[in-house]
Amino acid sequence: MIKNIATEAEFDAATSSGVQLVDFWAVWCGPCKMMGAVIDAKIVPVRPDLDVIKVDVDSCPQLAARFGVQSIPTLLVMQDGAVKEKFIGVTPPETILAAL
């Protein structure tokens, strides 16, 4: 399920337990749109149980700063509130799925 997050409280609640894929992106970012399409077409169908957390860095700059996001797209694999993997830039779906 894809969840668009607007606040840190929503983010903390969404990532407190289980495994999530967090996508830091922006509307104006071409590579972010490419990565979003990869997530929609190649990851969600394989892992329909996975929560994909979308964080717009322009709307939530405090979350981007909290995780040291300096380039987008940045993807985090989180488990029970902790970062397990971090990917910067457009990443092959096989790499992401292997980290999940």
PDB file of N, CA and C in Angstrom:
ATOM      1  N   MET A   1       0.842  -1.172   0.000  1.00  0.00           N
ATOM      2  CA  MET A   1       0.000   0.000   0.000  1.00  0.00           C
ATOM      3  C   MET A   1       0.891   1.241   0.000  1.00  0.00           C
ATOM      4  N   ILE A   2       0.545   2.215  -0.819  1.00  0.00           N
ATOM      5  CA  ILE A   2       1.310   3.452  -0.901  1.00  0.00           C
ATOM      6  C   ILE A   2       0.659   4.491   0.008  1.00  0.00           C
ATOM      7  N   LYS A   3       1.493   5.106   0.874  1.00  0.00           N
ATOM      8  CA  LYS A   3       1.005   6.115   1.804  1.00  0.00           C
ATOM      9  C   LYS A   3       1.810   7.393   1.604  1.00  0.00           C
ATOM     10  N   ASN A   4       1.116   8.490   1.359  1.00  0.00           N
ATOM     11  CA  ASN A   4       1.765   9.792   1.276  1.00  0.00           C
ATOM     12  C   ASN A   4       1.785  10.400   2.670  1.00  0.00           C
ATOM     13  N   ILE A   5       2.964  10.756   3.136  1.00  0.00           N
ATOM     14  CA  ILE A   5       3.153  11.247   4.495  1.00  0.00           C
ATOM     15  C   ILE A   5       3.327  12.758   4.479  1.00  0.00           C
ATOM     16  N   ALA A   6       2.639  13.443   5.396  1.00  0.00           N
ATOM     17  CA  ALA A   6       2.708  14.902   5.448  1.00  0.00           C
ATOM     18  C   ALA A   6       3.387  15.428   6.706  1.00  0.00           C
ATOM     19  N   THR A   7       3.491  14.585   7.757  1.00  0.00           N
ATOM     20  CA  THR A   7       4.070  15.059   9.017  1.00  0.00           C
ATOM     21  C   THR A   7       5.011  14.007   9.599  1.00  0.00           C
ATOM     22  N   GLU A   8       5.867  14.460  10.506  1.00  0.00           N
ATOM     23  CA  GLU A   8       6.761  13.523  11.187  1.00  0.00           C
ATOM     24  C   GLU A   8       5.979  12.525  12.033  1.00  0.00           C
ATOM     25  N   ALA A   9       4.889  12.967  12.645  1.00  0.00           N
ATOM     26  CA  ALA A   9       4.068  12.070  13.466  1.00  0.00           C
ATOM     27  C   ALA A   9       3.483  10.949  12.605  1.00  0.00           C
ATOM     28  N   GLU A  10       2.990  11.294  11.414  1.00  0.00           N
ATOM     29  CA  GLU A  10       2.474  10.270  10.499  1.00  0.00           C
ATOM     30  C   GLU A  10       3.585   9.299  10.098  1.00  0.00           C
ATOM     31  N   PHE A  11       4.759   9.839   9.825  1.00  0.00           N
ATOM     32  CA  PHE A  11       5.891   9.007   9.437  1.00  0.00           C
ATOM     33  C   PHE A  11       6.256   8.038  10.555  1.00  0.00           C
ATOM     34  N   ASP A  12       6.375   8.548  11.775  1.00  0.00           N
ATOM     35  CA  ASP A  12       6.751   7.696  12.909  1.00  0.00           C
ATOM     36  C   ASP A  12       5.721   6.595  13.145  1.00  0.00           C
ATOM     37  N   ALA A  13       4.448   6.927  13.006  1.00  0.00           N
ATOM     38  CA  ALA A  13       3.396   5.918  13.178  1.00  0.00           C
ATOM     39  C   ALA A  13       3.450   4.875  12.070  1.00  0.00           C
ATOM     40  N   ALA A  14       3.717   5.313  10.840  1.00  0.00           N
ATOM     41  CA  ALA A  14       3.728   4.398   9.690  1.00  0.00           C
ATOM     42  C   ALA A  14       4.937   3.478   9.672  1.00  0.00           C
ATOM     43  N   THR A  15       6.020   3.888  10.330  1.00  0.00           N
ATOM     44  CA  THR A  15       7.258   3.098  10.284  1.00  0.00           C
ATOM     45  C   THR A  15       7.609   2.441  11.616  1.00  0.00           C
ATOM     46  N   SER A  16       6.714   2.465  12.574  1.00  0.00           N
ATOM     47  CA  SER A  16       7.031   1.962  13.909  1.00  0.00           C
ATOM     48  C   SER A  16       7.182   0.448  13.976  1.00  0.00           C
ATOM     49  N   SER A  17       6.484  -0.282  13.108  1.00  0.00           N
ATOM     50  CA  SER A  17       6.621  -1.742  13.137  1.00  0.00           C
ATOM     51  C   SER A  17       6.495  -2.298  11.723  1.00  0.00           C
ATOM     52  N   GLY A  18       7.129  -3.431  11.524  1.00  0.00           N
ATOM     53  CA  GLY A  18       7.103  -4.061  10.215  1.00  0.00           C
ATOM     54  C   GLY A  18       8.183  -3.513   9.300  1.00  0.00           C
ATOM     55  N   VAL A  19       8.066  -3.861   8.020  1.00  0.00           N
ATOM     56  CA  VAL A  19       9.037  -3.443   7.013  1.00  0.00           C
ATOM     57  C   VAL A  19       8.360  -2.466   6.052  1.00  0.00           C
ATOM     58  N   GLN A  20       9.056  -1.367   5.738  1.00  0.00           N
ATOM     59  CA  GLN A  20       8.543  -0.369   4.817  1.00  0.00           C
ATOM     60  C   GLN A  20       9.647   0.034   3.837  1.00  0.00           C
ATOM     61  N   LEU A  21       9.211   0.505   2.674  1.00  0.00           N
ATOM     62  CA  LEU A  21      10.091   1.144   1.714  1.00  0.00           C
ATOM     63  C   LEU A  21       9.721   2.619   1.724  1.00  0.00           C
ATOM     64  N   VAL A  22      10.677   3.464   2.087  1.00  0.00           N
ATOM     65  CA  VAL A  22      10.438   4.906   2.165  1.00  0.00           C
ATOM     66  C   VAL A  22      11.059   5.556   0.938  1.00  0.00           C
ATOM     67  N   ASP A  23      10.265   6.340   0.235  1.00  0.00           N
ATOM     68  CA  ASP A  23      10.693   7.013  -0.989  1.00  0.00           C
ATOM     69  C   ASP A  23      10.695   8.521  -0.755  1.00  0.00           C
ATOM     70  N   PHE A  24      11.902   9.111  -0.644  1.00  0.00           N
ATOM     71  CA  PHE A  24      12.038  10.563  -0.568  1.00  0.00           C
ATOM     72  C   PHE A  24      12.114  11.080  -1.996  1.00  0.00           C
ATOM     73  N   TRP A  25      11.206  11.979  -2.367  1.00  0.00           N
ATOM     74  CA  TRP A  25      11.058  12.416  -3.742  1.00  0.00           C
ATOM     75  C   TRP A  25      10.571  13.866  -3.779  1.00  0.00           C
ATOM     76  N   ALA A  26      10.442  14.411  -4.999  1.00  0.00           N
ATOM     77  CA  ALA A  26       9.849  15.730  -5.207  1.00  0.00           C
ATOM     78  C   ALA A  26       9.132  15.734  -6.553  1.00  0.00           C
ATOM     79  N   VAL A  27       8.112  16.544  -6.664  1.00  0.00           N
ATOM     80  CA  VAL A  27       7.287  16.629  -7.871  1.00  0.00           C
ATOM     81  C   VAL A  27       8.121  17.030  -9.089  1.00  0.00           C
ATOM     82  N   TRP A  28       9.071  17.912  -8.906  1.00  0.00           N
ATOM     83  CA  TRP A  28       9.869  18.460 -10.005  1.00  0.00           C
ATOM     84  C   TRP A  28      11.035  17.568 -10.417  1.00  0.00           C
ATOM     85  N   CYS A  29      11.242  16.449  -9.756  1.00  0.00           N
ATOM     86  CA  CYS A  29      12.420  15.591  -9.953  1.00  0.00           C
ATOM     87  C   CYS A  29      12.131  14.479 -10.970  1.00  0.00           C
ATOM     88  N   GLY A  30      12.771  14.565 -12.144  1.00  0.00           N
ATOM     89  CA  GLY A  30      12.598  13.543 -13.174  1.00  0.00           C
ATOM     90  C   GLY A  30      12.995  12.149 -12.728  1.00  0.00           C
ATOM     91  N   PRO A  31      14.194  11.979 -12.135  1.00  0.00           N
ATOM     92  CA  PRO A  31      14.575  10.646 -11.655  1.00  0.00           C
ATOM     93  C   PRO A  31      13.611  10.098 -10.588  1.00  0.00           C
ATOM     94  N   CYS A  32      13.017  10.995  -9.805  1.00  0.00           N
ATOM     95  CA  CYS A  32      12.044  10.554  -8.794  1.00  0.00           C
ATOM     96  C   CYS A  32      10.808   9.955  -9.468  1.00  0.00           C
ATOM     97  N   LYS A  33      10.380  10.578 -10.566  1.00  0.00           N
ATOM     98  CA  LYS A  33       9.232  10.055 -11.307  1.00  0.00           C
ATOM     99  C   LYS A  33       9.566   8.689 -11.891  1.00  0.00           C
ATOM    100  N   MET A  34      10.794   8.532 -12.398  1.00  0.00           N
ATOM    101  CA  MET A  34      11.226   7.234 -12.923  1.00  0.00           C
ATOM    102  C   MET A  34      11.212   6.184 -11.815  1.00  0.00           C
ATOM    103  N   MET A  35      11.743   6.545 -10.642  1.00  0.00           N
ATOM    104  CA  MET A  35      11.796   5.589  -9.532  1.00  0.00           C
ATOM    105  C   MET A  35      10.395   5.257  -9.053  1.00  0.00           C
ATOM    106  N   GLY A  36       9.505   6.232  -9.026  1.00  0.00           N
ATOM    107  CA  GLY A  36       8.117   5.988  -8.637  1.00  0.00           C
ATOM    108  C   GLY A  36       7.447   4.991  -9.563  1.00  0.00           C
ATOM    109  N   ALA A  37       7.719   5.109 -10.866  1.00  0.00           N
ATOM    110  CA  ALA A  37       7.156   4.169 -11.837  1.00  0.00           C
ATOM    111  C   ALA A  37       7.710   2.767 -11.627  1.00  0.00           C
ATOM    112  N   VAL A  38       8.990   2.670 -11.298  1.00  0.00           N
ATOM    113  CA  VAL A  38       9.606   1.362 -11.019  1.00  0.00           C
ATOM    114  C   VAL A  38       8.960   0.739  -9.781  1.00  0.00           C
ATOM    115  N   ILE A  39       8.761   1.536  -8.756  1.00  0.00           N
ATOM    116  CA  ILE A  39       8.128   1.027  -7.531  1.00  0.00           C
ATOM    117  C   ILE A  39       6.719   0.519  -7.847  1.00  0.00           C
ATOM    118  N   ASP A  40       5.954   1.324  -8.578  1.00  0.00           N
ATOM    119  CA  ASP A  40       4.573   0.949  -8.916  1.00  0.00           C
ATOM    120  C   ASP A  40       4.501  -0.306  -9.781  1.00  0.00           C
ATOM    121  N   ALA A  41       5.411  -0.433 -10.753  1.00  0.00           N
ATOM    122  CA  ALA A  41       5.324  -1.521 -11.730  1.00  0.00           C
ATOM    123  C   ALA A  41       6.099  -2.775 -11.352  1.00  0.00           C
ATOM    124  N   LYS A  42       7.177  -2.627 -10.586  1.00  0.00           N
ATOM    125  CA  LYS A  42       8.072  -3.769 -10.351  1.00  0.00           C
ATOM    126  C   LYS A  42       8.166  -4.233  -8.900  1.00  0.00           C
ATOM    127  N   ILE A  43       7.846  -3.359  -7.963  1.00  0.00           N
ATOM    128  CA  ILE A  43       7.995  -3.739  -6.554  1.00  0.00           C
ATOM    129  C   ILE A  43       6.645  -4.036  -5.911  1.00  0.00           C
ATOM    130  N   VAL A  44       5.682  -3.136  -6.074  1.00  0.00           N
ATOM    131  CA  VAL A  44       4.359  -3.336  -5.459  1.00  0.00           C
ATOM    132  C   VAL A  44       3.699  -4.632  -5.936  1.00  0.00           C
ATOM    133  N   PRO A  45       3.749  -4.968  -7.243  1.00  0.00           N
ATOM    134  CA  PRO A  45       3.120  -6.231  -7.660  1.00  0.00           C
ATOM    135  C   PRO A  45       3.768  -7.474  -7.046  1.00  0.00           C
ATOM    136  N   VAL A  46       5.074  -7.413  -6.802  1.00  0.00           N
ATOM    137  CA  VAL A  46       5.784  -8.553  -6.218  1.00  0.00           C
ATOM    138  C   VAL A  46       5.580  -8.610  -4.702  1.00  0.00           C
ATOM    139  N   ARG A  47       5.459  -7.428  -4.073  1.00  0.00           N
ATOM    140  CA  ARG A  47       5.292  -7.337  -2.621  1.00  0.00           C
ATOM    141  C   ARG A  47       4.055  -6.505  -2.277  1.00  0.00           C
ATOM    142  N   PRO A  48       2.849  -7.023  -2.590  1.00  0.00           N
ATOM    143  CA  PRO A  48       1.632  -6.246  -2.336  1.00  0.00           C
ATOM    144  C   PRO A  48       1.395  -5.966  -0.849  1.00  0.00           C
ATOM    145  N   ASP A  49       2.039  -6.720   0.019  1.00  0.00           N
ATOM    146  CA  ASP A  49       1.912  -6.527   1.463  1.00  0.00           C
ATOM    147  C   ASP A  49       2.791  -5.383   1.982  1.00  0.00           C
ATOM    148  N   LEU A  50       3.701  -4.889   1.156  1.00  0.00           N
ATOM    149  CA  LEU A  50       4.676  -3.888   1.566  1.00  0.00           C
ATOM    150  C   LEU A  50       4.049  -2.498   1.633  1.00  0.00           C
ATOM    151  N   ASP A  51       4.332  -1.771   2.713  1.00  0.00           N
ATOM    152  CA  ASP A  51       3.933  -0.374   2.806  1.00  0.00           C
ATOM    153  C   ASP A  51       5.018   0.475   2.160  1.00  0.00           C
ATOM    154  N   VAL A  52       4.642   1.263   1.167  1.00  0.00           N
ATOM    155  CA  VAL A  52       5.543   2.215   0.527  1.00  0.00           C
ATOM    156  C   VAL A  52       5.181   3.590   1.068  1.00  0.00           C
ATOM    157  N   ILE A  53       6.127   4.209   1.746  1.00  0.00           N
ATOM    158  CA  ILE A  53       5.922   5.500   2.378  1.00  0.00           C
ATOM    159  C   ILE A  53       6.542   6.568   1.483  1.00  0.00           C
ATOM    160  N   LYS A  54       5.721   7.462   0.946  1.00  0.00           N
ATOM    161  CA  LYS A  54       6.190   8.527   0.049  1.00  0.00           C
ATOM    162  C   LYS A  54       6.341   9.817   0.851  1.00  0.00           C
ATOM    163  N   VAL A  55       7.542  10.402   0.805  1.00  0.00           N
ATOM    164  CA  VAL A  55       7.822  11.643   1.522  1.00  0.00           C
ATOM    165  C   VAL A  55       8.288  12.688   0.509  1.00  0.00           C
ATOM    166  N   ASP A  56       7.472  13.712   0.293  1.00  0.00           N
ATOM    167  CA  ASP A  56       7.842  14.826  -0.578  1.00  0.00           C
ATOM    168  C   ASP A  56       8.799  15.720   0.206  1.00  0.00           C
ATOM    169  N   VAL A  57      10.037  15.834  -0.267  1.00  0.00           N
ATOM    170  CA  VAL A  57      11.051  16.590   0.478  1.00  0.00           C
ATOM    171  C   VAL A  57      10.722  18.079   0.560  1.00  0.00           C
ATOM    172  N   ASP A  58       9.920  18.589  -0.373  1.00  0.00           N
ATOM    173  CA  ASP A  58       9.526  19.992  -0.308  1.00  0.00           C
ATOM    174  C   ASP A  58       8.458  20.222   0.758  1.00  0.00           C
ATOM    175  N   SER A  59       7.616  19.232   0.995  1.00  0.00           N
ATOM    176  CA  SER A  59       6.558  19.344   2.004  1.00  0.00           C
ATOM    177  C   SER A  59       7.041  18.966   3.400  1.00  0.00           C
ATOM    178  N   CYS A  60       8.040  18.085   3.466  1.00  0.00           N
ATOM    179  CA  CYS A  60       8.552  17.595   4.758  1.00  0.00           C
ATOM    180  C   CYS A  60      10.079  17.692   4.808  1.00  0.00           C
ATOM    181  N   PRO A  61      10.631  18.906   4.725  1.00  0.00           N
ATOM    182  CA  PRO A  61      12.091  19.024   4.742  1.00  0.00           C
ATOM    183  C   PRO A  61      12.715  18.529   6.050  1.00  0.00           C
ATOM    184  N   GLN A  62      11.947  18.570   7.140  1.00  0.00           N
ATOM    185  CA  GLN A  62      12.475  18.110   8.420  1.00  0.00           C
ATOM    186  C   GLN A  62      12.739  16.602   8.399  1.00  0.00           C
ATOM    187  N   LEU A  63      11.913  15.837   7.689  1.00  0.00           N
ATOM    188  CA  LEU A  63      12.157  14.396   7.575  1.00  0.00           C
ATOM    189  C   LEU A  63      13.367  14.116   6.704  1.00  0.00           C
ATOM    190  N   ALA A  64      13.512  14.871   5.632  1.00  0.00           N
ATOM    191  CA  ALA A  64      14.684  14.714   4.779  1.00  0.00           C
ATOM    192  C   ALA A  64      15.956  15.002   5.582  1.00  0.00           C
ATOM    193  N   ALA A  65      15.934  16.057   6.369  1.00  0.00           N
ATOM    194  CA  ALA A  65      17.094  16.404   7.195  1.00  0.00           C
ATOM    195  C   ALA A  65      17.363  15.328   8.251  1.00  0.00           C
ATOM    196  N   ARG A  66      16.325  14.821   8.841  1.00  0.00           N
ATOM    197  CA  ARG A  66      16.457  13.794   9.884  1.00  0.00           C
ATOM    198  C   ARG A  66      17.192  12.559   9.375  1.00  0.00           C
ATOM    199  N   PHE A  67      16.985  12.214   8.109  1.00  0.00           N
ATOM    200  CA  PHE A  67      17.613  11.018   7.538  1.00  0.00           C
ATOM    201  C   PHE A  67      18.796  11.354   6.633  1.00  0.00           C
ATOM    202  N   GLY A  68      19.239  12.607   6.656  1.00  0.00           N
ATOM    203  CA  GLY A  68      20.413  12.994   5.899  1.00  0.00           C
ATOM    204  C   GLY A  68      20.238  12.912   4.392  1.00  0.00           C
ATOM    205  N   VAL A  69      19.026  13.132   3.921  1.00  0.00           N
ATOM    206  CA  VAL A  69      18.752  13.068   2.486  1.00  0.00           C
ATOM    207  C   VAL A  69      19.277  14.340   1.838  1.00  0.00           C
ATOM    208  N   GLN A  70      20.250  14.177   0.944  1.00  0.00           N
ATOM    209  CA  GLN A  70      20.822  15.317   0.233  1.00  0.00           C
ATOM    210  C   GLN A  70      20.586  15.222  -1.267  1.00  0.00           C
ATOM    211  N   SER A  71      20.282  14.030  -1.750  1.00  0.00           N
ATOM    212  CA  SER A  71      19.975  13.806  -3.159  1.00  0.00           C
ATOM    213  C   SER A  71      18.700  12.984  -3.244  1.00  0.00           C
ATOM    214  N   ILE A  72      17.919  13.259  -4.283  1.00  0.00           N
ATOM    215  CA  ILE A  72      16.700  12.477  -4.487  1.00  0.00           C
ATOM    216  C   ILE A  72      16.698  11.906  -5.892  1.00  0.00           C
ATOM    217  N   PRO A  73      16.076  10.764  -6.074  1.00  0.00           N
ATOM    218  CA  PRO A  73      15.363   9.985  -5.067  1.00  0.00           C
ATOM    219  C   PRO A  73      16.314   9.287  -4.098  1.00  0.00           C
ATOM    220  N   THR A  74      15.889   9.206  -2.862  1.00  0.00           N
ATOM    221  CA  THR A  74      16.552   8.394  -1.851  1.00  0.00           C
ATOM    222  C   THR A  74      15.519   7.420  -1.317  1.00  0.00           C
ATOM    223  N   LEU A  75      15.897   6.151  -1.269  1.00  0.00           N
ATOM    224  CA  LEU A  75      15.012   5.111  -0.752  1.00  0.00           C
ATOM    225  C   LEU A  75      15.608   4.533   0.515  1.00  0.00           C
ATOM    226  N   LEU A  76      14.756   4.303   1.496  1.00  0.00           N
ATOM    227  CA  LEU A  76      15.162   3.639   2.728  1.00  0.00           C
ATOM    228  C   LEU A  76      14.348   2.369   2.896  1.00  0.00           C
ATOM    229  N   VAL A  77      15.006   1.304   3.275  1.00  0.00           N
ATOM    230  CA  VAL A  77      14.302   0.109   3.724  1.00  0.00           C
ATOM    231  C   VAL A  77      14.338   0.193   5.239  1.00  0.00           C
ATOM    232  N   MET A  78      13.153   0.250   5.833  1.00  0.00           N
ATOM    233  CA  MET A  78      13.055   0.372   7.290  1.00  0.00           C
ATOM    234  C   MET A  78      12.376  -0.857   7.872  1.00  0.00           C
ATOM    235  N   GLN A  79      12.838  -1.226   9.062  1.00  0.00           N
ATOM    236  CA  GLN A  79      12.219  -2.330   9.783  1.00  0.00           C
ATOM    237  C   GLN A  79      12.089  -1.928  11.238  1.00  0.00           C
ATOM    238  N   ASP A  80      10.864  -1.959  11.725  1.00  0.00           N
ATOM    239  CA  ASP A  80      10.554  -1.620  13.116  1.00  0.00           C
ATOM    240  C   ASP A  80      11.154  -0.274  13.519  1.00  0.00           C
ATOM    241  N   GLY A  81      11.057   0.722  12.626  1.00  0.00           N
ATOM    242  CA  GLY A  81      11.499   2.070  12.925  1.00  0.00           C
ATOM    243  C   GLY A  81      12.971   2.351  12.683  1.00  0.00           C
ATOM    244  N   ALA A  82      13.735   1.348  12.265  1.00  0.00           N
ATOM    245  CA  ALA A  82      15.176   1.530  12.043  1.00  0.00           C
ATOM    246  C   ALA A  82      15.510   1.378  10.560  1.00  0.00           C
ATOM    247  N   VAL A  83      16.468   2.164  10.097  1.00  0.00           N
ATOM    248  CA  VAL A  83      16.916   2.084   8.710  1.00  0.00           C
ATOM    249  C   VAL A  83      17.811   0.866   8.543  1.00  0.00           C
ATOM    250  N   LYS A  84      17.461   0.003   7.590  1.00  0.00           N
ATOM    251  CA  LYS A  84      18.250  -1.203   7.310  1.00  0.00           C
ATOM    252  C   LYS A  84      19.097  -1.046   6.055  1.00  0.00           C
ATOM    253  N   GLU A  85      18.584  -0.318   5.061  1.00  0.00           N
ATOM    254  CA  GLU A  85      19.301  -0.090   3.795  1.00  0.00           C
ATOM    255  C   GLU A  85      18.962   1.303   3.296  1.00  0.00           C
ATOM    256  N   LYS A  86      19.903   1.890   2.533  1.00  0.00           N
ATOM    257  CA  LYS A  86      19.679   3.203   1.936  1.00  0.00           C
ATOM    258  C   LYS A  86      20.178   3.167   0.494  1.00  0.00           C
ATOM    259  N   PHE A  87      19.346   3.642  -0.431  1.00  0.00           N
ATOM    260  CA  PHE A  87      19.694   3.696  -1.846  1.00  0.00           C
ATOM    261  C   PHE A  87      19.509   5.130  -2.333  1.00  0.00           C
ATOM    262  N   ILE A  88      20.500   5.633  -3.052  1.00  0.00           N
ATOM    263  CA  ILE A  88      20.435   6.990  -3.574  1.00  0.00           C
ATOM    264  C   ILE A  88      20.430   6.913  -5.093  1.00  0.00           C
ATOM    265  N   GLY A  89      19.480   7.625  -5.695  1.00  0.00           N
ATOM    266  CA  GLY A  89      19.354   7.621  -7.147  1.00  0.00           C
ATOM    267  C   GLY A  89      18.435   6.515  -7.618  1.00  0.00           C
ATOM    268  N   VAL A  90      18.262   6.455  -8.932  1.00  0.00           N
ATOM    269  CA  VAL A  90      17.421   5.413  -9.518  1.00  0.00           C
ATOM    270  C   VAL A  90      18.111   4.070  -9.274  1.00  0.00           C
ATOM    271  N   THR A  91      17.381   3.147  -8.658  1.00  0.00           N
ATOM    272  CA  THR A  91      17.936   1.863  -8.217  1.00  0.00           C
ATOM    273  C   THR A  91      17.174   0.737  -8.897  1.00  0.00           C
ATOM    274  N   PRO A  92      17.883  -0.283  -9.386  1.00  0.00           N
ATOM    275  CA  PRO A  92      17.193  -1.415 -10.018  1.00  0.00           C
ATOM    276  C   PRO A  92      16.235  -2.085  -9.036  1.00  0.00           C
ATOM    277  N   PRO A  93      15.068  -2.509  -9.514  1.00  0.00           N
ATOM    278  CA  PRO A  93      14.092  -3.128  -8.624  1.00  0.00           C
ATOM    279  C   PRO A  93      14.632  -4.397  -7.968  1.00  0.00           C
ATOM    280  N   GLU A  94      15.490  -5.126  -8.653  1.00  0.00           N
ATOM    281  CA  GLU A  94      16.050  -6.362  -8.087  1.00  0.00           C
ATOM    282  C   GLU A  94      16.880  -6.060  -6.836  1.00  0.00           C
ATOM    283  N   THR A  95      17.598  -4.936  -6.848  1.00  0.00           N
ATOM    284  CA  THR A  95      18.403  -4.529  -5.696  1.00  0.00           C
ATOM    285  C   THR A  95      17.511  -4.206  -4.508  1.00  0.00           C
ATOM    286  N   ILE A  96      16.425  -3.500  -4.789  1.00  0.00           N
ATOM    287  CA  ILE A  96      15.495  -3.126  -3.722  1.00  0.00           C
ATOM    288  C   ILE A  96      14.803  -4.361  -3.164  1.00  0.00           C
ATOM    289  N   LEU A  97      14.332  -5.219  -4.033  1.00  0.00           N
ATOM    290  CA  LEU A  97      13.639  -6.431  -3.580  1.00  0.00           C
ATOM    291  C   LEU A  97      14.563  -7.331  -2.761  1.00  0.00           C
ATOM    292  N   ALA A  98      15.827  -7.394  -3.121  1.00  0.00           N
ATOM    293  CA  ALA A  98      16.782  -8.200  -2.354  1.00  0.00           C
ATOM    294  C   ALA A  98      16.966  -7.644  -0.945  1.00  0.00           C
ATOM    295  N   ALA A  99      16.856  -6.329  -0.797  1.00  0.00           N
ATOM    296  CA  ALA A  99      17.012  -5.705   0.525  1.00  0.00           C
ATOM    297  C   ALA A  99      15.778  -5.867   1.385  1.00  0.00           C
ATOM    298  N   LEU A 100      14.650  -6.145   0.748  1.00  0.00           N
ATOM    299  CA  LEU A 100      13.403  -6.306   1.501  1.00  0.00           C
ATOM    300  C   LEU A 100      13.319  -7.692   2.080  1.00  0.00           C
TER     301      LEU A 100
END
